[in-house]
Amino acid sequence: MWLFTTTGFYSIVKKHDENILQVRARSAVDLDNLRNKYMPELGKTVLSTYTDYKCRAFISHSDFAKGLAKIGENIDYSNFKEKIGTIDKIRARIYAEVWAVMIGIERQGK
């Protein structure tokens, strides 16, 4: 799952034999933000130089679900792109690029 939030961008996966989720990020700050605001149960950030996502932390499925609920409860904006722009102008431009690419799905007509 890819998750874009006001606290950061995350890729959440369950690896083969693990019984917990890996929350991966491009920035350790994003994981800190997620941990501090929504998921205090998120494990410490582990840095790796030989993986696609350099930063990762681990959390149980149930604790992740509780954190997702908190994220949903805190939505207080009518436009996500505008909200990100009030937080971080550079990140807003990057998110907008992703949005522009994803509109291709709508243009497919499916």
PDB file of N, CA and C in Angstrom:
ATOM      1  N   MET A   1       0.852  -1.173   0.000  1.00  0.00           N
ATOM      2  CA  MET A   1       0.000   0.000   0.000  1.00  0.00           C
ATOM      3  C   MET A   1       0.892   1.229   0.000  1.00  0.00           C
ATOM      4  N   TRP A   2       0.549   2.168  -0.831  1.00  0.00           N
ATOM      5  CA  TRP A   2       1.162   3.489  -0.739  1.00  0.00           C
ATOM      6  C   TRP A   2       0.221   4.380   0.029  1.00  0.00           C
ATOM      7  N   LEU A   3       0.760   5.194   0.903  1.00  0.00           N
ATOM      8  CA  LEU A   3      -0.038   6.071   1.728  1.00  0.00           C
ATOM      9  C   LEU A   3       0.593   7.470   1.729  1.00  0.00           C
ATOM     10  N   PHE A   4      -0.150   8.423   1.178  1.00  0.00           N
ATOM     11  CA  PHE A   4       0.261   9.823   1.194  1.00  0.00           C
ATOM     12  C   PHE A   4      -0.567  10.529   2.254  1.00  0.00           C
ATOM     13  N   THR A   5       0.081  11.149   3.212  1.00  0.00           N
ATOM     14  CA  THR A   5      -0.622  11.833   4.289  1.00  0.00           C
ATOM     15  C   THR A   5       0.017  13.200   4.506  1.00  0.00           C
ATOM     16  N   THR A   6      -0.554  13.963   5.411  1.00  0.00           N
ATOM     17  CA  THR A   6       0.048  15.247   5.754  1.00  0.00           C
ATOM     18  C   THR A   6       1.334  15.071   6.562  1.00  0.00           C
ATOM     19  N   THR A   7       1.581  13.878   7.056  1.00  0.00           N
ATOM     20  CA  THR A   7       2.818  13.631   7.817  1.00  0.00           C
ATOM     21  C   THR A   7       3.919  13.008   6.971  1.00  0.00           C
ATOM     22  N   GLY A   8       3.583  12.520   5.768  1.00  0.00           N
ATOM     23  CA  GLY A   8       4.617  11.931   4.925  1.00  0.00           C
ATOM     24  C   GLY A   8       4.070  10.926   3.933  1.00  0.00           C
ATOM     25  N   PHE A   9       5.003  10.309   3.234  1.00  0.00           N
ATOM     26  CA  PHE A   9       4.695   9.278   2.241  1.00  0.00           C
ATOM     27  C   PHE A   9       5.269   7.950   2.726  1.00  0.00           C
ATOM     28  N   TYR A  10       4.443   6.898   2.621  1.00  0.00           N
ATOM     29  CA  TYR A  10       4.827   5.588   3.138  1.00  0.00           C
ATOM     30  C   TYR A  10       4.478   4.473   2.163  1.00  0.00           C
ATOM     31  N   SER A  11       5.257   3.421   2.199  1.00  0.00           N
ATOM     32  CA  SER A  11       4.943   2.180   1.505  1.00  0.00           C
ATOM     33  C   SER A  11       4.839   1.111   2.583  1.00  0.00           C
ATOM     34  N   ILE A  12       3.681   0.508   2.681  1.00  0.00           N
ATOM     35  CA  ILE A  12       3.448  -0.473   3.743  1.00  0.00           C
ATOM     36  C   ILE A  12       3.322  -1.854   3.119  1.00  0.00           C
ATOM     37  N   VAL A  13       4.131  -2.794   3.615  1.00  0.00           N
ATOM     38  CA  VAL A  13       4.139  -4.150   3.070  1.00  0.00           C
ATOM     39  C   VAL A  13       4.276  -5.166   4.199  1.00  0.00           C
ATOM     40  N   LYS A  14       3.901  -6.390   3.879  1.00  0.00           N
ATOM     41  CA  LYS A  14       4.134  -7.526   4.775  1.00  0.00           C
ATOM     42  C   LYS A  14       5.088  -8.451   4.033  1.00  0.00           C
ATOM     43  N   LYS A  15       6.263  -8.596   4.550  1.00  0.00           N
ATOM     44  CA  LYS A  15       7.243  -9.472   3.912  1.00  0.00           C
ATOM     45  C   LYS A  15       6.884 -10.930   4.168  1.00  0.00           C
ATOM     46  N   HIS A  16       7.408 -11.794   3.360  1.00  0.00           N
ATOM     47  CA  HIS A  16       7.066 -13.211   3.291  1.00  0.00           C
ATOM     48  C   HIS A  16       6.761 -13.865   4.635  1.00  0.00           C
ATOM     49  N   ASP A  17       7.747 -14.068   5.465  1.00  0.00           N
ATOM     50  CA  ASP A  17       7.563 -14.837   6.691  1.00  0.00           C
ATOM     51  C   ASP A  17       7.335 -13.969   7.920  1.00  0.00           C
ATOM     52  N   GLU A  18       7.275 -12.658   7.744  1.00  0.00           N
ATOM     53  CA  GLU A  18       7.087 -11.781   8.890  1.00  0.00           C
ATOM     54  C   GLU A  18       5.605 -11.737   9.272  1.00  0.00           C
ATOM     55  N   ASN A  19       5.358 -11.591  10.540  1.00  0.00           N
ATOM     56  CA  ASN A  19       3.987 -11.498  11.027  1.00  0.00           C
ATOM     57  C   ASN A  19       3.636 -10.057  11.387  1.00  0.00           C
ATOM     58  N   ILE A  20       4.453  -9.108  10.933  1.00  0.00           N
ATOM     59  CA  ILE A  20       4.230  -7.694  11.184  1.00  0.00           C
ATOM     60  C   ILE A  20       4.387  -6.930   9.879  1.00  0.00           C
ATOM     61  N   LEU A  21       4.008  -5.680   9.913  1.00  0.00           N
ATOM     62  CA  LEU A  21       4.110  -4.846   8.720  1.00  0.00           C
ATOM     63  C   LEU A  21       5.396  -4.036   8.742  1.00  0.00           C
ATOM     64  N   GLN A  22       5.942  -3.832   7.556  1.00  0.00           N
ATOM     65  CA  GLN A  22       7.046  -2.900   7.383  1.00  0.00           C
ATOM     66  C   GLN A  22       6.451  -1.601   6.863  1.00  0.00           C
ATOM     67  N   VAL A  23       6.733  -0.518   7.539  1.00  0.00           N
ATOM     68  CA  VAL A  23       6.354   0.801   7.051  1.00  0.00           C
ATOM     69  C   VAL A  23       7.639   1.416   6.528  1.00  0.00           C
ATOM     70  N   ARG A  24       7.683   1.610   5.211  1.00  0.00           N
ATOM     71  CA  ARG A  24       8.896   2.098   4.570  1.00  0.00           C
ATOM     72  C   ARG A  24       8.698   3.544   4.133  1.00  0.00           C
ATOM     73  N   ALA A  25       9.785   4.301   4.154  1.00  0.00           N
ATOM     74  CA  ALA A  25       9.703   5.712   3.789  1.00  0.00           C
ATOM     75  C   ALA A  25      10.994   6.142   3.111  1.00  0.00           C
ATOM     76  N   ARG A  26      10.906   7.224   2.368  1.00  0.00           N
ATOM     77  CA  ARG A  26      12.087   7.822   1.736  1.00  0.00           C
ATOM     78  C   ARG A  26      12.833   8.703   2.724  1.00  0.00           C
ATOM     79  N   SER A  27      12.131   9.121   3.776  1.00  0.00           N
ATOM     80  CA  SER A  27      12.705  10.052   4.748  1.00  0.00           C
ATOM     81  C   SER A  27      12.442   9.549   6.164  1.00  0.00           C
ATOM     82  N   ALA A  28      13.482   9.539   6.977  1.00  0.00           N
ATOM     83  CA  ALA A  28      13.321   9.137   8.379  1.00  0.00           C
ATOM     84  C   ALA A  28      12.389  10.101   9.116  1.00  0.00           C
ATOM     85  N   VAL A  29      12.370  11.355   8.707  1.00  0.00           N
ATOM     86  CA  VAL A  29      11.487  12.349   9.321  1.00  0.00           C
ATOM     87  C   VAL A  29      10.026  11.937   9.154  1.00  0.00           C
ATOM     88  N   ASP A  30       9.688  11.370   7.988  1.00  0.00           N
ATOM     89  CA  ASP A  30       8.311  10.917   7.774  1.00  0.00           C
ATOM     90  C   ASP A  30       7.917   9.858   8.794  1.00  0.00           C
ATOM     91  N   LEU A  31       8.815   8.919   9.055  1.00  0.00           N
ATOM     92  CA  LEU A  31       8.517   7.883  10.047  1.00  0.00           C
ATOM     93  C   LEU A  31       8.393   8.483  11.445  1.00  0.00           C
ATOM     94  N   ASP A  32       9.259   9.446  11.753  1.00  0.00           N
ATOM     95  CA  ASP A  32       9.167  10.130  13.049  1.00  0.00           C
ATOM     96  C   ASP A  32       7.819  10.831  13.181  1.00  0.00           C
ATOM     97  N   ASN A  33       7.398  11.510  12.117  1.00  0.00           N
ATOM     98  CA  ASN A  33       6.108  12.212  12.137  1.00  0.00           C
ATOM     99  C   ASN A  33       4.958  11.240  12.358  1.00  0.00           C
ATOM    100  N   LEU A  34       4.989  10.113  11.644  1.00  0.00           N
ATOM    101  CA  LEU A  34       3.929   9.112  11.777  1.00  0.00           C
ATOM    102  C   LEU A  34       3.889   8.551  13.195  1.00  0.00           C
ATOM    103  N   ARG A  35       5.044   8.249  13.722  1.00  0.00           N
ATOM    104  CA  ARG A  35       5.153   7.702  15.084  1.00  0.00           C
ATOM    105  C   ARG A  35       4.649   8.719  16.116  1.00  0.00           C
ATOM    106  N   ASN A  36       5.071   9.951  15.969  1.00  0.00           N
ATOM    107  CA  ASN A  36       4.733  10.980  16.964  1.00  0.00           C
ATOM    108  C   ASN A  36       3.267  11.381  16.928  1.00  0.00           C
ATOM    109  N   LYS A  37       2.663  11.404  15.746  1.00  0.00           N
ATOM    110  CA  LYS A  37       1.296  11.905  15.634  1.00  0.00           C
ATOM    111  C   LYS A  37       0.232  10.815  15.683  1.00  0.00           C
ATOM    112  N   TYR A  38       0.520   9.640  15.076  1.00  0.00           N
ATOM    113  CA  TYR A  38      -0.547   8.653  14.900  1.00  0.00           C
ATOM    114  C   TYR A  38      -0.234   7.244  15.398  1.00  0.00           C
ATOM    115  N   MET A  39       1.027   6.848  15.384  1.00  0.00           N
ATOM    116  CA  MET A  39       1.352   5.449  15.667  1.00  0.00           C
ATOM    117  C   MET A  39       2.525   5.342  16.637  1.00  0.00           C
ATOM    118  N   PRO A  40       2.285   5.622  17.918  1.00  0.00           N
ATOM    119  CA  PRO A  40       3.385   5.539  18.883  1.00  0.00           C
ATOM    120  C   PRO A  40       3.967   4.133  18.996  1.00  0.00           C
ATOM    121  N   GLU A  41       3.220   3.123  18.553  1.00  0.00           N
ATOM    122  CA  GLU A  41       3.702   1.738  18.619  1.00  0.00           C
ATOM    123  C   GLU A  41       4.707   1.411  17.504  1.00  0.00           C
ATOM    124  N   LEU A  42       4.828   2.301  16.529  1.00  0.00           N
ATOM    125  CA  LEU A  42       5.759   2.071  15.420  1.00  0.00           C
ATOM    126  C   LEU A  42       7.176   1.935  15.962  1.00  0.00           C
ATOM    127  N   GLY A  43       7.849   0.853  15.576  1.00  0.00           N
ATOM    128  CA  GLY A  43       9.199   0.594  16.069  1.00  0.00           C
ATOM    129  C   GLY A  43      10.186   1.656  15.639  1.00  0.00           C
ATOM    130  N   LYS A  44      11.396   1.528  16.140  1.00  0.00           N
ATOM    131  CA  LYS A  44      12.428   2.507  15.803  1.00  0.00           C
ATOM    132  C   LYS A  44      12.758   2.436  14.316  1.00  0.00           C
ATOM    133  N   THR A  45      13.234   3.527  13.793  1.00  0.00           N
ATOM    134  CA  THR A  45      13.598   3.613  12.383  1.00  0.00           C
ATOM    135  C   THR A  45      14.898   2.867  12.140  1.00  0.00           C
ATOM    136  N   VAL A  46      14.875   2.012  11.124  1.00  0.00           N
ATOM    137  CA  VAL A  46      16.056   1.263  10.709  1.00  0.00           C
ATOM    138  C   VAL A  46      16.481   1.819   9.356  1.00  0.00           C
ATOM    139  N   LEU A  47      17.758   2.160   9.227  1.00  0.00           N
ATOM    140  CA  LEU A  47      18.284   2.691   7.976  1.00  0.00           C
ATOM    141  C   LEU A  47      19.037   1.602   7.225  1.00  0.00           C
ATOM    142  N   SER A  48      18.878   1.598   5.906  1.00  0.00           N
ATOM    143  CA  SER A  48      19.539   0.597   5.072  1.00  0.00           C
ATOM    144  C   SER A  48      20.063   1.276   3.821  1.00  0.00           C
ATOM    145  N   THR A  49      21.227   0.851   3.378  1.00  0.00           N
ATOM    146  CA  THR A  49      21.807   1.458   2.174  1.00  0.00           C
ATOM    147  C   THR A  49      21.581   0.617   0.929  1.00  0.00           C
ATOM    148  N   TYR A  50      21.104  -0.598   1.076  1.00  0.00           N
ATOM    149  CA  TYR A  50      20.988  -1.500  -0.076  1.00  0.00           C
ATOM    150  C   TYR A  50      19.543  -1.855  -0.417  1.00  0.00           C
ATOM    151  N   THR A  51      18.606  -0.995  -0.072  1.00  0.00           N
ATOM    152  CA  THR A  51      17.202  -1.257  -0.360  1.00  0.00           C
ATOM    153  C   THR A  51      16.587  -0.061  -1.069  1.00  0.00           C
ATOM    154  N   ASP A  52      15.445  -0.295  -1.686  1.00  0.00           N
ATOM    155  CA  ASP A  52      14.757   0.774  -2.393  1.00  0.00           C
ATOM    156  C   ASP A  52      14.364   1.895  -1.438  1.00  0.00           C
ATOM    157  N   TYR A  53      13.702   1.550  -0.343  1.00  0.00           N
ATOM    158  CA  TYR A  53      13.345   2.533   0.680  1.00  0.00           C
ATOM    159  C   TYR A  53      14.416   2.483   1.758  1.00  0.00           C
ATOM    160  N   LYS A  54      15.076   3.593   1.977  1.00  0.00           N
ATOM    161  CA  LYS A  54      16.210   3.624   2.908  1.00  0.00           C
ATOM    162  C   LYS A  54      15.792   3.583   4.376  1.00  0.00           C
ATOM    163  N   CYS A  55      14.550   3.928   4.659  1.00  0.00           N
ATOM    164  CA  CYS A  55      14.081   4.015   6.039  1.00  0.00           C
ATOM    165  C   CYS A  55      12.894   3.093   6.228  1.00  0.00           C
ATOM    166  N   ARG A  56      12.869   2.390   7.327  1.00  0.00           N
ATOM    167  CA  ARG A  56      11.750   1.494   7.610  1.00  0.00           C
ATOM    168  C   ARG A  56      11.577   1.307   9.111  1.00  0.00           C
ATOM    169  N   ALA A  57      10.366   0.956   9.476  1.00  0.00           N
ATOM    170  CA  ALA A  57      10.042   0.649  10.869  1.00  0.00           C
ATOM    171  C   ALA A  57       8.958  -0.422  10.840  1.00  0.00           C
ATOM    172  N   PHE A  58       8.745  -1.080  11.956  1.00  0.00           N
ATOM    173  CA  PHE A  58       7.835  -2.226  12.002  1.00  0.00           C
ATOM    174  C   PHE A  58       6.711  -1.976  12.993  1.00  0.00           C
ATOM    175  N   ILE A  59       5.531  -2.551  12.656  1.00  0.00           N
ATOM    176  CA  ILE A  59       4.351  -2.369  13.498  1.00  0.00           C
ATOM    177  C   ILE A  59       3.394  -3.534  13.251  1.00  0.00           C
ATOM    178  N   SER A  60       2.611  -3.873  14.258  1.00  0.00           N
ATOM    179  CA  SER A  60       1.620  -4.945  14.099  1.00  0.00           C
ATOM    180  C   SER A  60       0.481  -4.456  13.210  1.00  0.00           C
ATOM    181  N   HIS A  61      -0.230  -5.408  12.622  1.00  0.00           N
ATOM    182  CA  HIS A  61      -1.395  -5.069  11.804  1.00  0.00           C
ATOM    183  C   HIS A  61      -2.425  -4.267  12.608  1.00  0.00           C
ATOM    184  N   SER A  62      -2.711  -4.715  13.823  1.00  0.00           N
ATOM    185  CA  SER A  62      -3.751  -4.052  14.620  1.00  0.00           C
ATOM    186  C   SER A  62      -3.341  -2.637  15.022  1.00  0.00           C
ATOM    187  N   ASP A  63      -2.079  -2.437  15.385  1.00  0.00           N
ATOM    188  CA  ASP A  63      -1.623  -1.093  15.740  1.00  0.00           C
ATOM    189  C   ASP A  63      -1.602  -0.182  14.514  1.00  0.00           C
ATOM    190  N   PHE A  64      -1.265  -0.741  13.355  1.00  0.00           N
ATOM    191  CA  PHE A  64      -1.302   0.039  12.122  1.00  0.00           C
ATOM    192  C   PHE A  64      -2.742   0.462  11.813  1.00  0.00           C
ATOM    193  N   ALA A  65      -3.674  -0.451  11.961  1.00  0.00           N
ATOM    194  CA  ALA A  65      -5.084  -0.150  11.708  1.00  0.00           C
ATOM    195  C   ALA A  65      -5.582   0.953  12.650  1.00  0.00           C
ATOM    196  N   LYS A  66      -5.177   0.906  13.918  1.00  0.00           N
ATOM    197  CA  LYS A  66      -5.566   1.953  14.862  1.00  0.00           C
ATOM    198  C   LYS A  66      -5.012   3.309  14.427  1.00  0.00           C
ATOM    199  N   GLY A  67      -3.767   3.300  13.960  1.00  0.00           N
ATOM    200  CA  GLY A  67      -3.159   4.539  13.477  1.00  0.00           C
ATOM    201  C   GLY A  67      -3.857   5.075  12.246  1.00  0.00           C
ATOM    202  N   LEU A  68      -4.254   4.174  11.328  1.00  0.00           N
ATOM    203  CA  LEU A  68      -4.993   4.608  10.136  1.00  0.00           C
ATOM    204  C   LEU A  68      -6.315   5.266  10.530  1.00  0.00           C
ATOM    205  N   ALA A  69      -6.964   4.715  11.531  1.00  0.00           N
ATOM    206  CA  ALA A  69      -8.215   5.310  12.008  1.00  0.00           C
ATOM    207  C   ALA A  69      -7.966   6.727  12.516  1.00  0.00           C
ATOM    208  N   LYS A  70      -6.886   6.925  13.243  1.00  0.00           N
ATOM    209  CA  LYS A  70      -6.553   8.266  13.743  1.00  0.00           C
ATOM    210  C   LYS A  70      -6.292   9.224  12.589  1.00  0.00           C
ATOM    211  N   ILE A  71      -5.594   8.735  11.564  1.00  0.00           N
ATOM    212  CA  ILE A  71      -5.337   9.579  10.392  1.00  0.00           C
ATOM    213  C   ILE A  71      -6.662  10.024   9.782  1.00  0.00           C
ATOM    214  N   GLY A  72      -7.566   9.075   9.611  1.00  0.00           N
ATOM    215  CA  GLY A  72      -8.872   9.397   9.047  1.00  0.00           C
ATOM    216  C   GLY A  72      -9.651  10.392   9.894  1.00  0.00           C
ATOM    217  N   GLU A  73      -9.590  10.228  11.194  1.00  0.00           N
ATOM    218  CA  GLU A  73     -10.312  11.118  12.093  1.00  0.00           C
ATOM    219  C   GLU A  73      -9.767  12.542  12.070  1.00  0.00           C
ATOM    220  N   ASN A  74      -8.513  12.710  11.673  1.00  0.00           N
ATOM    221  CA  ASN A  74      -7.880  14.032  11.680  1.00  0.00           C
ATOM    222  C   ASN A  74      -7.945  14.760  10.344  1.00  0.00           C
ATOM    223  N   ILE A  75      -8.624  14.212   9.361  1.00  0.00           N
ATOM    224  CA  ILE A  75      -8.749  14.930   8.087  1.00  0.00           C
ATOM    225  C   ILE A  75      -9.612  16.163   8.323  1.00  0.00           C
ATOM    226  N   ASP A  76      -9.024  17.332   8.065  1.00  0.00           N
ATOM    227  CA  ASP A  76      -9.706  18.600   8.313  1.00  0.00           C
ATOM    228  C   ASP A  76      -9.588  19.559   7.125  1.00  0.00           C
ATOM    229  N   TYR A  77      -9.391  19.027   5.952  1.00  0.00           N
ATOM    230  CA  TYR A  77      -9.169  19.855   4.774  1.00  0.00           C
ATOM    231  C   TYR A  77     -10.076  19.385   3.639  1.00  0.00           C
ATOM    232  N   SER A  78     -10.384  20.310   2.735  1.00  0.00           N
ATOM    233  CA  SER A  78     -11.225  19.960   1.594  1.00  0.00           C
ATOM    234  C   SER A  78     -10.401  19.675   0.342  1.00  0.00           C
ATOM    235  N   ASN A  79      -9.095  19.996   0.382  1.00  0.00           N
ATOM    236  CA  ASN A  79      -8.229  19.741  -0.759  1.00  0.00           C
ATOM    237  C   ASN A  79      -6.860  19.309  -0.244  1.00  0.00           C
ATOM    238  N   PHE A  80      -6.497  18.056  -0.500  1.00  0.00           N
ATOM    239  CA  PHE A  80      -5.240  17.493   0.019  1.00  0.00           C
ATOM    240  C   PHE A  80      -4.030  18.240  -0.522  1.00  0.00           C
ATOM    241  N   LYS A  81      -4.003  18.498  -1.826  1.00  0.00           N
ATOM    242  CA  LYS A  81      -2.838  19.175  -2.423  1.00  0.00           C
ATOM    243  C   LYS A  81      -2.626  20.560  -1.799  1.00  0.00           C
ATOM    244  N   GLU A  82      -3.718  21.286  -1.591  1.00  0.00           N
ATOM    245  CA  GLU A  82      -3.595  22.601  -0.960  1.00  0.00           C
ATOM    246  C   GLU A  82      -3.086  22.492   0.474  1.00  0.00           C
ATOM    247  N   LYS A  83      -3.570  21.505   1.203  1.00  0.00           N
ATOM    248  CA  LYS A  83      -3.138  21.307   2.587  1.00  0.00           C
ATOM    249  C   LYS A  83      -1.640  21.033   2.645  1.00  0.00           C
ATOM    250  N   ILE A  84      -1.149  20.166   1.767  1.00  0.00           N
ATOM    251  CA  ILE A  84       0.283  19.872   1.748  1.00  0.00           C
ATOM    252  C   ILE A  84       1.065  21.137   1.444  1.00  0.00           C
ATOM    253  N   GLY A  85       0.531  21.976   0.551  1.00  0.00           N
ATOM    254  CA  GLY A  85       1.189  23.236   0.209  1.00  0.00           C
ATOM    255  C   GLY A  85       1.359  24.170   1.390  1.00  0.00           C
ATOM    256  N   THR A  86       0.457  24.085   2.364  1.00  0.00           N
ATOM    257  CA  THR A  86       0.593  24.926   3.562  1.00  0.00           C
ATOM    258  C   THR A  86       1.636  24.363   4.531  1.00  0.00           C
ATOM    259  N   ILE A  87       1.971  23.092   4.348  1.00  0.00           N
ATOM    260  CA  ILE A  87       2.922  22.429   5.250  1.00  0.00           C
ATOM    261  C   ILE A  87       4.339  22.453   4.682  1.00  0.00           C
ATOM    262  N   ASP A  88       4.463  22.144   3.381  1.00  0.00           N
ATOM    263  CA  ASP A  88       5.787  21.986   2.761  1.00  0.00           C
ATOM    264  C   ASP A  88       5.654  22.209   1.257  1.00  0.00           C
ATOM    265  N   LYS A  89       6.126  23.333   0.766  1.00  0.00           N
ATOM    266  CA  LYS A  89       5.982  23.693  -0.654  1.00  0.00           C
ATOM    267  C   LYS A  89       6.704  22.705  -1.570  1.00  0.00           C
ATOM    268  N   ILE A  90       7.876  22.267  -1.198  1.00  0.00           N
ATOM    269  CA  ILE A  90       8.635  21.332  -2.044  1.00  0.00           C
ATOM    270  C   ILE A  90       7.909  20.000  -2.131  1.00  0.00           C
ATOM    271  N   ARG A  91       7.467  19.497  -1.004  1.00  0.00           N
ATOM    272  CA  ARG A  91       6.735  18.227  -0.997  1.00  0.00           C
ATOM    273  C   ARG A  91       5.426  18.368  -1.773  1.00  0.00           C
ATOM    274  N   ALA A  92       4.797  19.508  -1.696  1.00  0.00           N
ATOM    275  CA  ALA A  92       3.557  19.733  -2.438  1.00  0.00           C
ATOM    276  C   ALA A  92       3.794  19.593  -3.933  1.00  0.00           C
ATOM    277  N   ARG A  93       4.907  20.099  -4.427  1.00  0.00           N
ATOM    278  CA  ARG A  93       5.229  19.963  -5.861  1.00  0.00           C
ATOM    279  C   ARG A  93       5.463  18.501  -6.227  1.00  0.00           C
ATOM    280  N   ILE A  94       6.131  17.767  -5.358  1.00  0.00           N
ATOM    281  CA  ILE A  94       6.394  16.351  -5.615  1.00  0.00           C
ATOM    282  C   ILE A  94       5.088  15.564  -5.616  1.00  0.00           C
ATOM    283  N   TYR A  95       4.230  15.784  -4.625  1.00  0.00           N
ATOM    284  CA  TYR A  95       2.933  15.106  -4.572  1.00  0.00           C
ATOM    285  C   TYR A  95       2.095  15.447  -5.800  1.00  0.00           C
ATOM    286  N   ALA A  96       2.169  16.700  -6.257  1.00  0.00           N
ATOM    287  CA  ALA A  96       1.411  17.111  -7.436  1.00  0.00           C
ATOM    288  C   ALA A  96       1.889  16.370  -8.687  1.00  0.00           C
ATOM    289  N   GLU A  97       3.177  16.082  -8.754  1.00  0.00           N
ATOM    290  CA  GLU A  97       3.698  15.294  -9.877  1.00  0.00           C
ATOM    291  C   GLU A  97       3.113  13.889  -9.861  1.00  0.00           C
ATOM    292  N   VAL A  98       3.014  13.301  -8.689  1.00  0.00           N
ATOM    293  CA  VAL A  98       2.401  11.973  -8.563  1.00  0.00           C
ATOM    294  C   VAL A  98       0.937  12.056  -8.987  1.00  0.00           C
ATOM    295  N   TRP A  99       0.232  13.085  -8.521  1.00  0.00           N
ATOM    296  CA  TRP A  99      -1.170  13.275  -8.888  1.00  0.00           C
ATOM    297  C   TRP A  99      -1.315  13.360 -10.407  1.00  0.00           C
ATOM    298  N   ALA A 100      -0.423  14.109 -11.056  1.00  0.00           N
ATOM    299  CA  ALA A 100      -0.492  14.288 -12.508  1.00  0.00           C
ATOM    300  C   ALA A 100      -0.297  12.965 -13.247  1.00  0.00           C
ATOM    301  N   VAL A 101       0.575  12.127 -12.752  1.00  0.00           N
ATOM    302  CA  VAL A 101       0.793  10.818 -13.370  1.00  0.00           C
ATOM    303  C   VAL A 101      -0.434   9.932 -13.153  1.00  0.00           C
ATOM    304  N   MET A 102      -0.981   9.950 -11.958  1.00  0.00           N
ATOM    305  CA  MET A 102      -2.105   9.075 -11.624  1.00  0.00           C
ATOM    306  C   MET A 102      -3.390   9.442 -12.358  1.00  0.00           C
ATOM    307  N   ILE A 103      -3.503  10.669 -12.862  1.00  0.00           N
ATOM    308  CA  ILE A 103      -4.703  11.014 -13.616  1.00  0.00           C
ATOM    309  C   ILE A 103      -4.802  10.176 -14.882  1.00  0.00           C
ATOM    310  N   GLY A 104      -3.691   9.550 -15.265  1.00  0.00           N
ATOM    311  CA  GLY A 104      -3.697   8.630 -16.411  1.00  0.00           C
ATOM    312  C   GLY A 104      -4.709   7.501 -16.248  1.00  0.00           C
ATOM    313  N   ILE A 105      -4.968   7.089 -15.016  1.00  0.00           N
ATOM    314  CA  ILE A 105      -5.960   6.043 -14.762  1.00  0.00           C
ATOM    315  C   ILE A 105      -7.345   6.546 -15.186  1.00  0.00           C
ATOM    316  N   GLU A 106      -7.666   7.760 -14.812  1.00  0.00           N
ATOM    317  CA  GLU A 106      -8.961   8.338 -15.182  1.00  0.00           C
ATOM    318  C   GLU A 106      -9.075   8.485 -16.709  1.00  0.00           C
ATOM    319  N   ARG A 107      -7.998   8.871 -17.308  1.00  0.00           N
ATOM    320  CA  ARG A 107      -8.004   9.075 -18.760  1.00  0.00           C
ATOM    321  C   ARG A 107      -8.117   7.762 -19.541  1.00  0.00           C
ATOM    322  N   GLN A 108      -7.776   6.661 -18.895  1.00  0.00           N
ATOM    323  CA  GLN A 108      -7.955   5.338 -19.515  1.00  0.00           C
ATOM    324  C   GLN A 108      -9.416   5.018 -19.693  1.00  0.00           C
ATOM    325  N   GLY A 109     -10.246   5.632 -18.889  1.00  0.00           N
ATOM    326  CA  GLY A 109     -11.668   5.384 -18.951  1.00  0.00           C
ATOM    327  C   GLY A 109     -12.104   4.100 -18.290  1.00  0.00           C
ATOM    328  N   LYS A 110     -11.309   3.569 -17.398  1.00  0.00           N
ATOM    329  CA  LYS A 110     -11.645   2.314 -16.708  1.00  0.00           C
ATOM    330  C   LYS A 110     -11.949   2.562 -15.255  1.00  0.00           C
TER     331      LYS A 110
END
